[in-house]
Amino acid sequence: MNSLQNHVLFTMQFMQMMEDFQTVENECPACGHSSRSNTVCLRNECDFMLFIDMGKLHPSVIPWIEARKEALK
């Protein structure tokens, strides 16, 4: 994820995944609450943003995606 193109592509794919699986569990990857948009948690208490810096994912995203994969099996 070094380029702006990869950054935008991943964000689009992540947002599509969130839309596709919104009925499975609608939760923020960081805090687990259901008050989030596709890439930013809407709770004041949570600091989740999909990308914390250009090209750097929030640390909670990968384990969250892995957990969703396991839940869907």
C-alpha atoms as a PDB file:
ATOM      1  CA  MET A   1       0.000   0.000   0.000  1.00  0.00           C
ATOM      2  CA  ASN A   2       2.613   2.532  -0.975  1.00  0.00           C
ATOM      3  CA  SER A   3       0.836   4.558  -3.607  1.00  0.00           C
ATOM      4  CA  LEU A   4      -2.209   6.780  -3.643  1.00  0.00           C
ATOM      5  CA  GLN A   5      -3.754   4.484  -6.259  1.00  0.00           C
ATOM      6  CA  ASN A   6      -3.451   1.460  -3.939  1.00  0.00           C
ATOM      7  CA  HIS A   7      -4.792   3.531  -1.060  1.00  0.00           C
ATOM      8  CA  VAL A   8      -7.889   4.562  -3.008  1.00  0.00           C
ATOM      9  CA  LEU A   9      -8.403   1.063  -4.427  1.00  0.00           C
ATOM     10  CA  PHE A  10      -8.254  -0.578  -0.994  1.00  0.00           C
ATOM     11  CA  THR A  11     -10.648   2.006   0.467  1.00  0.00           C
ATOM     12  CA  MET A  12     -13.130   1.340  -2.331  1.00  0.00           C
ATOM     13  CA  GLN A  13     -12.836  -2.428  -1.848  1.00  0.00           C
ATOM     14  CA  PHE A  14     -13.187  -2.109   1.937  1.00  0.00           C
ATOM     15  CA  MET A  15     -16.288   0.054   1.579  1.00  0.00           C
ATOM     16  CA  GLN A  16     -17.798  -2.460  -0.858  1.00  0.00           C
ATOM     17  CA  MET A  17     -17.046  -5.298   1.570  1.00  0.00           C
ATOM     18  CA  MET A  18     -18.695  -3.356   4.410  1.00  0.00           C
ATOM     19  CA  GLU A  19     -21.787  -2.839   2.238  1.00  0.00           C
ATOM     20  CA  ASP A  20     -21.889  -6.490   1.128  1.00  0.00           C
ATOM     21  CA  PHE A  21     -21.683  -7.795   4.695  1.00  0.00           C
ATOM     22  CA  GLN A  22     -23.580  -5.064   6.533  1.00  0.00           C
ATOM     23  CA  THR A  23     -26.260  -7.539   7.624  1.00  0.00           C
ATOM     24  CA  VAL A  24     -23.693  -9.893   9.179  1.00  0.00           C
ATOM     25  CA  GLU A  25     -22.392  -7.553  11.864  1.00  0.00           C
ATOM     26  CA  ASN A  26     -22.500  -3.800  11.659  1.00  0.00           C
ATOM     27  CA  GLU A  27     -19.666  -2.865  13.976  1.00  0.00           C
ATOM     28  CA  CYS A  28     -16.629  -0.658  14.184  1.00  0.00           C
ATOM     29  CA  PRO A  29     -13.448  -2.754  13.864  1.00  0.00           C
ATOM     30  CA  ALA A  30     -11.821  -0.900  16.761  1.00  0.00           C
ATOM     31  CA  CYS A  31     -14.524  -0.499  19.428  1.00  0.00           C
ATOM     32  CA  GLY A  32     -17.097  -3.100  18.379  1.00  0.00           C
ATOM     33  CA  HIS A  33     -20.035  -0.690  18.558  1.00  0.00           C
ATOM     34  CA  SER A  34     -22.471  -0.303  15.703  1.00  0.00           C
ATOM     35  CA  SER A  35     -22.226   3.466  15.284  1.00  0.00           C
ATOM     36  CA  ARG A  36     -19.778   3.764  12.409  1.00  0.00           C
ATOM     37  CA  SER A  37     -19.658   4.826   8.825  1.00  0.00           C
ATOM     38  CA  ASN A  38     -17.732   2.719   6.317  1.00  0.00           C
ATOM     39  CA  THR A  39     -14.298   4.105   7.140  1.00  0.00           C
ATOM     40  CA  VAL A  40     -14.626   6.230  10.309  1.00  0.00           C
ATOM     41  CA  CYS A  41     -16.254   5.412  13.650  1.00  0.00           C
ATOM     42  CA  LEU A  42     -18.923   7.954  14.505  1.00  0.00           C
ATOM     43  CA  ARG A  43     -18.590   7.538  18.285  1.00  0.00           C
ATOM     44  CA  ASN A  44     -16.752  10.391  20.022  1.00  0.00           C
ATOM     45  CA  GLU A  45     -15.059   7.888  22.353  1.00  0.00           C
ATOM     46  CA  CYS A  46     -13.469   5.937  19.494  1.00  0.00           C
ATOM     47  CA  ASP A  47     -10.622   7.077  17.263  1.00  0.00           C
ATOM     48  CA  PHE A  48     -11.089   4.525  14.470  1.00  0.00           C
ATOM     49  CA  MET A  49     -10.282   5.716  10.982  1.00  0.00           C
ATOM     50  CA  LEU A  50      -9.553   3.112   8.296  1.00  0.00           C
ATOM     51  CA  PHE A  51      -6.220   4.728   7.438  1.00  0.00           C
ATOM     52  CA  ILE A  52      -4.326   6.364  10.306  1.00  0.00           C
ATOM     53  CA  ASP A  53      -1.698   7.690   7.871  1.00  0.00           C
ATOM     54  CA  MET A  54      -1.363   7.500   4.113  1.00  0.00           C
ATOM     55  CA  GLY A  55      -0.920   3.816   3.358  1.00  0.00           C
ATOM     56  CA  LYS A  56      -1.100   2.672   7.017  1.00  0.00           C
ATOM     57  CA  LEU A  57      -4.185   0.768   8.112  1.00  0.00           C
ATOM     58  CA  HIS A  58      -5.600   1.124  11.618  1.00  0.00           C
ATOM     59  CA  PRO A  59      -4.166  -1.805  13.638  1.00  0.00           C
ATOM     60  CA  SER A  60      -7.630  -3.246  14.340  1.00  0.00           C
ATOM     61  CA  VAL A  61      -8.595  -3.723  10.667  1.00  0.00           C
ATOM     62  CA  ILE A  62      -6.695  -6.940   9.849  1.00  0.00           C
ATOM     63  CA  PRO A  63      -7.849  -8.935  12.928  1.00  0.00           C
ATOM     64  CA  TRP A  64     -11.387  -7.644  12.330  1.00  0.00           C
ATOM     65  CA  ILE A  65     -11.346  -8.854   8.712  1.00  0.00           C
ATOM     66  CA  GLU A  66      -9.953 -12.226   9.824  1.00  0.00           C
ATOM     67  CA  ALA A  67     -12.727 -12.559  12.425  1.00  0.00           C
ATOM     68  CA  ARG A  68     -15.368 -11.781   9.758  1.00  0.00           C
ATOM     69  CA  LYS A  69     -13.880 -14.447   7.497  1.00  0.00           C
ATOM     70  CA  GLU A  70     -14.072 -17.024  10.280  1.00  0.00           C
ATOM     71  CA  ALA A  71     -17.652 -16.042  11.137  1.00  0.00           C
ATOM     72  CA  LEU A  72     -18.708 -16.509   7.528  1.00  0.00           C
ATOM     73  CA  LYS A  73     -17.297 -20.029   7.220  1.00  0.00           C
END
